[in-house]
């Protein structure tokens, strides 16, 4: 919520699609379209991103991702959007201390989930995504996070303005 107050962006909570509504459609494709829809360029703060969380929780908790064959494509699309990804990642012992509060399926696999998130964030960074790791236990973390976000947003806005000016001139 502090980022919301600082940048004035609304907060959106990611949810999974109701795939039962797509009875005769390819459910994996519909899950992929859901992930794309949640990545549409908007100035907002997303609490989780379906393209990431489904690639973590699906295989570990349910044995398969609802994205199916589109798992990789959803992450590629996310990396290409240059949407800032803030990965809240305190020390592992602090994360594991919250295990009691998690829902069933997550509780038993907490360590594997953290490892999968770490691996996906590494992969997204290698793919060129803008990933900011945020360890809120460090005293300088908040200032560093907001400074990097502001800088990224400024350069993104400049690029957007150049594109707008180009098309305005046509």
N, C-alpha and C. Protein backbone atom coordinates (compact mmCIF):
# COMPACT_ATOMS: atom_id res chain seq x y z
N UNK A 1 0.81 -1.20 0.00
CA UNK A 1 0.00 0.00 0.00
C UNK A 1 0.86 1.26 0.00
N UNK A 2 2.07 1.17 0.53
CA UNK A 2 2.95 2.33 0.49
C UNK A 2 3.30 2.71 -0.95
N UNK A 3 3.52 1.71 -1.80
CA UNK A 3 3.79 2.00 -3.21
C UNK A 3 2.56 2.63 -3.86
N UNK A 4 1.39 2.17 -3.47
CA UNK A 4 0.15 2.75 -3.97
C UNK A 4 0.09 4.24 -3.62
N UNK A 5 0.39 4.56 -2.38
CA UNK A 5 0.35 5.96 -1.96
C UNK A 5 1.43 6.79 -2.67
N UNK A 6 2.61 6.19 -2.85
CA UNK A 6 3.73 6.91 -3.45
C UNK A 6 3.50 7.21 -4.92
N UNK A 7 3.05 6.21 -5.68
CA UNK A 7 2.91 6.37 -7.12
C UNK A 7 1.48 6.68 -7.56
N UNK A 8 0.53 6.54 -6.65
CA UNK A 8 -0.86 6.83 -6.97
C UNK A 8 -1.53 5.78 -7.83
N UNK A 9 -0.95 4.62 -7.92
CA UNK A 9 -1.53 3.56 -8.76
C UNK A 9 -2.50 2.71 -7.95
N UNK A 10 -3.56 2.25 -8.60
CA UNK A 10 -4.47 1.34 -7.90
C UNK A 10 -3.80 -0.02 -7.68
N UNK A 11 -4.34 -0.79 -6.74
CA UNK A 11 -3.83 -2.13 -6.44
C UNK A 11 -4.82 -3.14 -7.00
N UNK A 12 -4.29 -4.12 -7.74
CA UNK A 12 -5.13 -5.18 -8.31
C UNK A 12 -4.65 -6.51 -7.74
N UNK A 13 -5.56 -7.31 -7.25
CA UNK A 13 -5.22 -8.63 -6.74
C UNK A 13 -5.45 -9.66 -7.83
N UNK A 14 -4.42 -10.42 -8.13
CA UNK A 14 -4.51 -11.44 -9.17
C UNK A 14 -5.41 -12.58 -8.71
N UNK A 15 -6.11 -13.14 -9.64
CA UNK A 15 -6.94 -14.30 -9.33
C UNK A 15 -6.79 -15.32 -10.44
N UNK A 16 -7.20 -16.53 -10.17
CA UNK A 16 -7.13 -17.53 -11.22
C UNK A 16 -8.45 -17.53 -11.99
N UNK A 17 -8.39 -17.95 -13.25
CA UNK A 17 -9.61 -17.93 -14.06
C UNK A 17 -10.57 -19.03 -13.65
N UNK A 18 -11.83 -18.82 -13.93
CA UNK A 18 -12.84 -19.86 -13.72
C UNK A 18 -12.89 -20.67 -15.01
N UNK A 19 -12.06 -21.70 -15.09
CA UNK A 19 -11.93 -22.46 -16.32
C UNK A 19 -13.15 -23.32 -16.61
N UNK A 20 -13.99 -23.55 -15.63
CA UNK A 20 -15.22 -24.33 -15.87
C UNK A 20 -16.17 -23.56 -16.78
N UNK A 21 -16.03 -22.25 -16.83
CA UNK A 21 -16.89 -21.43 -17.69
C UNK A 21 -16.57 -21.64 -19.17
N UNK A 22 -15.39 -22.20 -19.44
CA UNK A 22 -14.96 -22.42 -20.82
C UNK A 22 -15.10 -23.89 -21.19
N UNK A 23 -16.30 -24.43 -21.10
CA UNK A 23 -16.53 -25.86 -21.25
C UNK A 23 -15.98 -26.45 -22.55
N UNK A 24 -16.25 -25.82 -23.67
CA UNK A 24 -15.84 -26.41 -24.94
C UNK A 24 -14.56 -25.79 -25.49
N UNK A 25 -13.98 -24.87 -24.77
CA UNK A 25 -12.77 -24.21 -25.23
C UNK A 25 -11.52 -24.90 -24.66
N UNK A 26 -10.40 -24.62 -25.25
CA UNK A 26 -9.12 -25.12 -24.76
C UNK A 26 -8.81 -24.41 -23.45
N UNK A 27 -8.89 -25.12 -22.35
CA UNK A 27 -8.74 -24.50 -21.03
C UNK A 27 -7.34 -23.95 -20.81
N UNK A 28 -6.30 -24.61 -21.33
CA UNK A 28 -4.95 -24.09 -21.19
C UNK A 28 -4.81 -22.76 -21.91
N UNK A 29 -5.40 -22.66 -23.11
CA UNK A 29 -5.34 -21.40 -23.86
C UNK A 29 -6.10 -20.31 -23.12
N UNK A 30 -7.24 -20.64 -22.55
CA UNK A 30 -8.02 -19.64 -21.81
C UNK A 30 -7.26 -19.18 -20.56
N UNK A 31 -6.54 -20.09 -19.90
CA UNK A 31 -5.72 -19.70 -18.75
C UNK A 31 -4.61 -18.75 -19.21
N UNK A 32 -4.02 -19.05 -20.37
CA UNK A 32 -2.98 -18.18 -20.93
C UNK A 32 -3.55 -16.80 -21.25
N UNK A 33 -4.72 -16.75 -21.87
CA UNK A 33 -5.35 -15.46 -22.18
C UNK A 33 -5.64 -14.68 -20.90
N UNK A 34 -6.03 -15.39 -19.86
CA UNK A 34 -6.26 -14.75 -18.56
C UNK A 34 -4.96 -14.11 -18.05
N UNK A 35 -3.83 -14.83 -18.20
CA UNK A 35 -2.55 -14.28 -17.73
C UNK A 35 -2.16 -13.06 -18.55
N UNK A 36 -2.43 -13.07 -19.85
CA UNK A 36 -2.12 -11.94 -20.73
C UNK A 36 -2.98 -10.74 -20.36
N UNK A 37 -4.26 -10.99 -20.13
CA UNK A 37 -5.17 -9.91 -19.77
C UNK A 37 -4.70 -9.19 -18.51
N UNK A 38 -4.16 -9.94 -17.57
CA UNK A 38 -3.69 -9.33 -16.32
C UNK A 38 -2.37 -8.59 -16.49
N UNK A 39 -1.75 -8.73 -17.65
CA UNK A 39 -0.49 -8.04 -17.90
C UNK A 39 -0.66 -6.86 -18.84
N UNK A 40 -1.89 -6.56 -19.20
CA UNK A 40 -2.08 -5.45 -20.12
C UNK A 40 -1.46 -4.20 -19.53
N UNK A 41 -0.85 -3.37 -20.38
CA UNK A 41 -0.13 -2.21 -19.85
C UNK A 41 -1.06 -1.24 -19.13
N UNK A 42 -0.94 -1.21 -17.84
CA UNK A 42 -1.69 -0.28 -17.00
C UNK A 42 -0.75 0.16 -15.89
N UNK A 43 -0.92 1.36 -15.46
CA UNK A 43 -0.15 1.83 -14.30
C UNK A 43 -0.88 1.36 -13.05
N UNK A 44 -0.48 0.20 -12.57
CA UNK A 44 -1.09 -0.32 -11.36
C UNK A 44 -0.13 -1.26 -10.64
N UNK A 45 -0.48 -1.57 -9.43
CA UNK A 45 0.32 -2.49 -8.62
C UNK A 45 -0.47 -3.78 -8.54
N UNK A 46 0.15 -4.86 -8.99
CA UNK A 46 -0.50 -6.16 -8.94
C UNK A 46 0.01 -6.94 -7.72
N UNK A 47 -0.90 -7.41 -6.92
CA UNK A 47 -0.53 -8.29 -5.81
C UNK A 47 -0.56 -9.70 -6.39
N UNK A 48 0.57 -10.16 -6.80
CA UNK A 48 0.78 -11.42 -7.51
C UNK A 48 0.42 -11.23 -8.98
N UNK A 49 1.05 -12.01 -9.78
CA UNK A 49 0.80 -12.02 -11.21
C UNK A 49 0.53 -13.46 -11.60
N UNK A 50 -0.59 -13.69 -12.23
CA UNK A 50 -1.02 -15.05 -12.56
C UNK A 50 0.04 -15.81 -13.35
N UNK A 51 0.71 -15.14 -14.29
CA UNK A 51 1.73 -15.81 -15.11
C UNK A 51 2.85 -16.38 -14.25
N UNK A 52 3.14 -15.73 -13.14
CA UNK A 52 4.19 -16.22 -12.23
C UNK A 52 3.60 -17.22 -11.24
N UNK A 53 2.57 -16.80 -10.51
CA UNK A 53 2.07 -17.65 -9.42
C UNK A 53 1.53 -18.99 -9.92
N UNK A 54 0.92 -19.01 -11.09
CA UNK A 54 0.42 -20.29 -11.62
C UNK A 54 1.58 -21.21 -12.01
N UNK A 55 2.70 -20.62 -12.41
CA UNK A 55 3.88 -21.42 -12.73
C UNK A 55 4.58 -21.93 -11.47
N UNK A 56 4.23 -21.38 -10.32
CA UNK A 56 4.80 -21.85 -9.06
C UNK A 56 3.84 -22.83 -8.39
N UNK A 57 2.65 -22.35 -8.05
CA UNK A 57 1.72 -23.14 -7.25
C UNK A 57 1.11 -24.31 -8.02
N UNK A 58 0.78 -24.12 -9.29
CA UNK A 58 0.14 -25.18 -10.07
C UNK A 58 0.91 -26.48 -10.03
N UNK A 59 2.17 -26.50 -10.51
CA UNK A 59 2.91 -27.75 -10.53
C UNK A 59 3.19 -28.33 -9.13
N UNK A 60 3.37 -27.48 -8.14
CA UNK A 60 3.74 -27.97 -6.81
C UNK A 60 2.51 -28.40 -6.01
N UNK A 61 1.47 -27.59 -6.00
CA UNK A 61 0.31 -27.87 -5.15
C UNK A 61 -0.70 -28.79 -5.84
N UNK A 62 -0.93 -28.56 -7.16
CA UNK A 62 -1.94 -29.35 -7.87
C UNK A 62 -1.34 -30.40 -8.81
N UNK A 63 -0.02 -30.40 -8.99
CA UNK A 63 0.62 -31.38 -9.87
C UNK A 63 0.72 -30.93 -11.31
N UNK A 64 0.08 -29.82 -11.67
CA UNK A 64 0.16 -29.30 -13.04
C UNK A 64 -0.31 -27.85 -13.06
N UNK A 65 0.26 -27.08 -13.96
CA UNK A 65 -0.15 -25.70 -14.14
C UNK A 65 -1.37 -25.64 -15.05
N UNK A 66 -2.32 -24.78 -14.73
CA UNK A 66 -3.48 -24.59 -15.59
C UNK A 66 -3.05 -23.99 -16.93
N UNK A 67 -1.86 -23.39 -16.98
CA UNK A 67 -1.38 -22.82 -18.23
C UNK A 67 -0.92 -23.89 -19.22
N UNK A 68 -0.66 -25.09 -18.73
CA UNK A 68 -0.28 -26.21 -19.59
C UNK A 68 0.87 -25.86 -20.52
N UNK A 69 0.65 -26.05 -21.82
CA UNK A 69 1.71 -25.82 -22.81
C UNK A 69 2.05 -24.33 -22.96
N UNK A 70 1.27 -23.46 -22.36
CA UNK A 70 1.49 -22.01 -22.46
C UNK A 70 2.28 -21.45 -21.27
N UNK A 71 2.79 -22.32 -20.40
CA UNK A 71 3.52 -21.86 -19.20
C UNK A 71 4.70 -20.97 -19.58
N UNK A 72 5.51 -21.45 -20.49
CA UNK A 72 6.71 -20.70 -20.90
C UNK A 72 6.33 -19.41 -21.62
N UNK A 73 5.32 -19.50 -22.47
CA UNK A 73 4.89 -18.33 -23.24
C UNK A 73 4.40 -17.20 -22.34
N UNK A 74 3.69 -17.56 -21.27
CA UNK A 74 3.18 -16.54 -20.33
C UNK A 74 4.34 -15.79 -19.68
N UNK A 75 5.40 -16.52 -19.30
CA UNK A 75 6.56 -15.86 -18.70
C UNK A 75 7.33 -15.02 -19.72
N UNK A 76 7.43 -15.49 -20.96
CA UNK A 76 8.09 -14.70 -22.01
C UNK A 76 7.33 -13.40 -22.24
N UNK A 77 6.02 -13.50 -22.30
CA UNK A 77 5.20 -12.30 -22.49
C UNK A 77 5.43 -11.31 -21.35
N UNK A 78 5.44 -11.81 -20.13
CA UNK A 78 5.68 -10.97 -18.96
C UNK A 78 7.04 -10.28 -19.05
N UNK A 79 8.08 -11.03 -19.38
CA UNK A 79 9.43 -10.47 -19.49
C UNK A 79 9.48 -9.36 -20.53
N UNK A 80 8.77 -9.53 -21.63
CA UNK A 80 8.78 -8.54 -22.71
C UNK A 80 7.99 -7.28 -22.41
N UNK A 81 7.10 -7.31 -21.43
CA UNK A 81 6.31 -6.11 -21.12
C UNK A 81 7.13 -5.05 -20.40
N UNK A 82 8.25 -5.44 -19.81
CA UNK A 82 9.08 -4.56 -18.99
C UNK A 82 8.31 -4.00 -17.79
N UNK A 83 7.27 -4.72 -17.39
CA UNK A 83 6.55 -4.40 -16.17
C UNK A 83 7.49 -4.64 -14.99
N UNK A 84 7.64 -3.66 -14.10
CA UNK A 84 8.50 -3.91 -12.94
C UNK A 84 7.92 -5.03 -12.07
N UNK A 85 8.76 -5.97 -11.72
CA UNK A 85 8.35 -7.07 -10.84
C UNK A 85 9.09 -6.87 -9.52
N UNK A 86 8.33 -6.66 -8.46
CA UNK A 86 8.93 -6.53 -7.14
C UNK A 86 8.78 -7.88 -6.45
N UNK A 87 9.89 -8.52 -6.23
CA UNK A 87 9.91 -9.84 -5.60
C UNK A 87 10.25 -9.65 -4.13
N UNK A 88 9.24 -9.71 -3.28
CA UNK A 88 9.45 -9.58 -1.84
C UNK A 88 10.10 -10.87 -1.35
N UNK A 89 11.38 -10.77 -1.01
CA UNK A 89 12.14 -11.97 -0.67
C UNK A 89 13.02 -11.72 0.55
N UNK A 90 12.41 -11.86 1.75
CA UNK A 90 13.23 -11.77 2.97
C UNK A 90 14.04 -13.05 3.13
N UNK A 91 14.87 -13.15 4.15
CA UNK A 91 15.64 -14.37 4.39
C UNK A 91 14.73 -15.59 4.55
N UNK A 92 15.23 -16.74 4.11
CA UNK A 92 14.45 -17.98 4.10
C UNK A 92 13.91 -18.36 5.47
N UNK A 93 14.67 -18.13 6.54
CA UNK A 93 14.19 -18.50 7.87
C UNK A 93 12.96 -17.70 8.27
N UNK A 94 12.88 -16.46 7.84
CA UNK A 94 11.70 -15.63 8.12
C UNK A 94 10.50 -16.14 7.31
N UNK A 95 10.73 -16.51 6.08
CA UNK A 95 9.65 -17.05 5.24
C UNK A 95 9.12 -18.35 5.86
N UNK A 96 10.02 -19.23 6.23
CA UNK A 96 9.60 -20.53 6.77
C UNK A 96 8.89 -20.38 8.11
N UNK A 97 9.13 -19.31 8.81
CA UNK A 97 8.46 -19.07 10.09
C UNK A 97 6.98 -18.77 9.90
N UNK A 98 6.57 -18.41 8.68
CA UNK A 98 5.16 -18.11 8.41
C UNK A 98 4.39 -19.32 7.92
N UNK A 99 5.04 -20.46 7.85
CA UNK A 99 4.43 -21.67 7.30
C UNK A 99 3.11 -22.02 7.97
N UNK A 100 2.99 -21.80 9.26
CA UNK A 100 1.78 -22.16 10.00
C UNK A 100 0.55 -21.43 9.47
N UNK A 101 0.74 -20.26 8.88
CA UNK A 101 -0.37 -19.43 8.43
C UNK A 101 -0.86 -19.78 7.02
N UNK A 102 -0.16 -20.65 6.33
CA UNK A 102 -0.47 -20.94 4.93
C UNK A 102 -1.58 -21.98 4.79
N UNK A 103 -2.25 -21.95 3.64
CA UNK A 103 -3.31 -22.91 3.37
C UNK A 103 -2.73 -24.29 3.08
N UNK A 104 -3.57 -25.29 3.20
CA UNK A 104 -3.15 -26.66 2.96
C UNK A 104 -2.63 -26.81 1.53
N UNK A 105 -1.61 -27.61 1.36
CA UNK A 105 -0.97 -27.77 0.05
C UNK A 105 0.22 -26.85 -0.07
N UNK A 106 0.10 -25.66 0.48
CA UNK A 106 1.21 -24.71 0.49
C UNK A 106 2.08 -25.01 1.69
N UNK A 107 1.45 -25.24 2.79
CA UNK A 107 2.16 -25.49 4.05
C UNK A 107 3.18 -26.62 3.90
N UNK A 108 2.78 -27.73 3.30
CA UNK A 108 3.65 -28.89 3.18
C UNK A 108 4.76 -28.69 2.15
N UNK A 109 4.58 -27.73 1.26
CA UNK A 109 5.51 -27.52 0.15
C UNK A 109 6.16 -26.14 0.17
N UNK A 110 6.14 -25.51 1.33
CA UNK A 110 6.60 -24.13 1.44
C UNK A 110 8.02 -23.95 0.89
N UNK A 111 8.92 -24.82 1.26
CA UNK A 111 10.31 -24.71 0.82
C UNK A 111 10.43 -24.84 -0.70
N UNK A 112 9.72 -25.81 -1.27
CA UNK A 112 9.74 -26.00 -2.73
C UNK A 112 9.15 -24.79 -3.45
N UNK A 113 8.13 -24.18 -2.87
CA UNK A 113 7.50 -22.99 -3.47
C UNK A 113 8.48 -21.83 -3.48
N UNK A 114 9.18 -21.61 -2.38
CA UNK A 114 10.16 -20.53 -2.31
C UNK A 114 11.27 -20.77 -3.34
N UNK A 115 11.75 -22.00 -3.42
CA UNK A 115 12.80 -22.34 -4.40
C UNK A 115 12.32 -22.10 -5.82
N UNK A 116 11.07 -22.45 -6.10
CA UNK A 116 10.51 -22.26 -7.45
C UNK A 116 10.39 -20.77 -7.77
N UNK A 117 9.92 -19.97 -6.80
CA UNK A 117 9.86 -18.52 -7.01
C UNK A 117 11.25 -17.97 -7.30
N UNK A 118 12.25 -18.38 -6.52
CA UNK A 118 13.62 -17.91 -6.74
C UNK A 118 14.08 -18.24 -8.16
N UNK A 119 13.82 -19.46 -8.59
CA UNK A 119 14.25 -19.89 -9.92
C UNK A 119 13.53 -19.10 -11.03
N UNK A 120 12.24 -18.89 -10.86
CA UNK A 120 11.49 -18.12 -11.87
C UNK A 120 11.99 -16.69 -11.93
N UNK A 121 12.27 -16.07 -10.78
CA UNK A 121 12.79 -14.71 -10.79
C UNK A 121 14.15 -14.64 -11.47
N UNK A 122 15.02 -15.61 -11.20
CA UNK A 122 16.32 -15.67 -11.88
C UNK A 122 16.11 -15.79 -13.40
N UNK A 123 15.22 -16.66 -13.79
CA UNK A 123 14.93 -16.89 -15.22
C UNK A 123 14.37 -15.63 -15.87
N UNK A 124 13.45 -14.96 -15.19
CA UNK A 124 12.88 -13.72 -15.73
C UNK A 124 13.96 -12.66 -15.91
N UNK A 125 14.85 -12.54 -14.93
CA UNK A 125 15.96 -11.57 -15.04
C UNK A 125 16.84 -11.89 -16.24
N UNK A 126 17.19 -13.15 -16.41
CA UNK A 126 18.02 -13.56 -17.55
C UNK A 126 17.31 -13.25 -18.86
N UNK A 127 15.99 -13.38 -18.87
CA UNK A 127 15.19 -13.11 -20.07
C UNK A 127 15.01 -11.61 -20.32
N UNK A 128 15.50 -10.78 -19.42
CA UNK A 128 15.43 -9.33 -19.62
C UNK A 128 14.32 -8.63 -18.87
N UNK A 129 13.60 -9.34 -18.01
CA UNK A 129 12.54 -8.70 -17.23
C UNK A 129 13.16 -7.77 -16.18
N UNK A 130 12.40 -6.77 -15.77
CA UNK A 130 12.85 -5.82 -14.76
C UNK A 130 12.40 -6.33 -13.39
N UNK A 131 13.28 -7.09 -12.72
CA UNK A 131 12.97 -7.70 -11.43
C UNK A 131 13.72 -6.96 -10.32
N UNK A 132 12.99 -6.51 -9.33
CA UNK A 132 13.58 -5.87 -8.16
C UNK A 132 13.35 -6.79 -6.96
N UNK A 133 14.42 -7.24 -6.36
CA UNK A 133 14.32 -8.09 -5.17
C UNK A 133 14.24 -7.18 -3.95
N UNK A 134 13.25 -7.43 -3.14
CA UNK A 134 12.99 -6.55 -2.00
C UNK A 134 13.03 -7.37 -0.71
N UNK A 135 14.06 -7.14 0.09
CA UNK A 135 14.19 -7.77 1.40
C UNK A 135 13.88 -6.70 2.44
N UNK A 136 12.64 -6.67 2.87
CA UNK A 136 12.18 -5.62 3.78
C UNK A 136 12.87 -5.64 5.13
N UNK A 137 13.67 -6.66 5.42
CA UNK A 137 14.39 -6.70 6.70
C UNK A 137 15.66 -5.85 6.65
N UNK A 138 16.08 -5.43 5.47
CA UNK A 138 17.29 -4.60 5.35
C UNK A 138 16.91 -3.13 5.50
N UNK A 139 17.68 -2.38 6.26
CA UNK A 139 17.34 -0.97 6.52
C UNK A 139 17.28 -0.09 5.26
N UNK A 140 18.11 -0.36 4.26
CA UNK A 140 18.15 0.48 3.07
C UNK A 140 17.22 0.00 1.96
N UNK A 141 16.50 -1.09 2.19
CA UNK A 141 15.73 -1.75 1.12
C UNK A 141 14.63 -0.86 0.54
N UNK A 142 13.89 -0.17 1.38
CA UNK A 142 12.75 0.62 0.89
C UNK A 142 13.24 1.76 -0.01
N UNK A 143 14.25 2.49 0.42
CA UNK A 143 14.77 3.60 -0.39
C UNK A 143 15.32 3.10 -1.73
N UNK A 144 16.03 1.99 -1.68
CA UNK A 144 16.59 1.40 -2.90
C UNK A 144 15.47 0.97 -3.86
N UNK A 145 14.46 0.32 -3.33
CA UNK A 145 13.33 -0.14 -4.14
C UNK A 145 12.62 1.04 -4.81
N UNK A 146 12.25 2.04 -4.04
CA UNK A 146 11.50 3.17 -4.60
C UNK A 146 12.33 3.97 -5.59
N UNK A 147 13.63 4.09 -5.34
CA UNK A 147 14.52 4.79 -6.27
C UNK A 147 14.59 4.06 -7.61
N UNK A 148 14.77 2.73 -7.57
CA UNK A 148 14.84 1.94 -8.81
C UNK A 148 13.50 1.96 -9.56
N UNK A 149 12.41 1.86 -8.82
CA UNK A 149 11.09 1.91 -9.46
C UNK A 149 10.86 3.26 -10.14
N UNK A 150 11.15 4.33 -9.44
CA UNK A 150 10.96 5.67 -10.01
C UNK A 150 11.80 5.86 -11.26
N UNK A 151 13.04 5.38 -11.25
CA UNK A 151 13.92 5.49 -12.40
C UNK A 151 13.37 4.69 -13.58
N UNK A 152 12.91 3.47 -13.31
CA UNK A 152 12.35 2.62 -14.38
C UNK A 152 11.09 3.26 -14.96
N UNK A 153 10.25 3.77 -14.11
CA UNK A 153 9.00 4.38 -14.56
C UNK A 153 9.29 5.61 -15.41
N UNK A 154 10.27 6.42 -15.00
CA UNK A 154 10.65 7.61 -15.77
C UNK A 154 11.12 7.21 -17.16
N UNK A 155 12.00 6.20 -17.26
CA UNK A 155 12.48 5.81 -18.59
C UNK A 155 11.37 5.17 -19.42
N UNK A 156 10.49 4.42 -18.77
CA UNK A 156 9.36 3.82 -19.49
C UNK A 156 8.45 4.91 -20.04
N UNK A 157 8.17 5.93 -19.22
CA UNK A 157 7.32 7.03 -19.67
C UNK A 157 7.95 7.80 -20.82
N UNK A 158 9.27 7.98 -20.79
CA UNK A 158 9.96 8.68 -21.89
C UNK A 158 9.83 7.88 -23.18
N UNK A 159 9.99 6.56 -23.10
CA UNK A 159 9.84 5.72 -24.30
C UNK A 159 8.42 5.78 -24.82
N UNK A 160 7.45 5.75 -23.90
CA UNK A 160 6.04 5.84 -24.29
C UNK A 160 5.74 7.17 -24.97
N UNK A 161 6.31 8.26 -24.43
CA UNK A 161 6.12 9.59 -25.03
C UNK A 161 6.70 9.64 -26.43
N UNK A 162 7.86 9.04 -26.66
CA UNK A 162 8.47 9.03 -28.00
C UNK A 162 7.60 8.27 -28.98
N UNK A 163 7.03 7.15 -28.55
CA UNK A 163 6.14 6.38 -29.42
C UNK A 163 4.90 7.20 -29.74
N UNK A 164 4.33 7.86 -28.72
CA UNK A 164 3.16 8.69 -28.92
C UNK A 164 3.46 9.81 -29.92
N UNK A 165 4.60 10.49 -29.73
CA UNK A 165 4.99 11.57 -30.63
C UNK A 165 5.17 11.08 -32.06
N UNK A 166 5.73 9.89 -32.21
CA UNK A 166 5.93 9.33 -33.53
C UNK A 166 4.59 9.14 -34.24
N UNK A 167 3.65 8.50 -33.57
CA UNK A 167 2.36 8.21 -34.21
C UNK A 167 1.52 9.48 -34.38
N UNK A 168 1.70 10.44 -33.51
CA UNK A 168 0.98 11.71 -33.63
C UNK A 168 1.44 12.44 -34.89
N UNK A 169 2.71 12.25 -35.25
CA UNK A 169 3.26 12.93 -36.42
C UNK A 169 2.92 12.26 -37.75
N UNK A 170 2.33 11.09 -37.71
CA UNK A 170 2.00 10.38 -38.97
C UNK A 170 0.68 10.87 -39.53
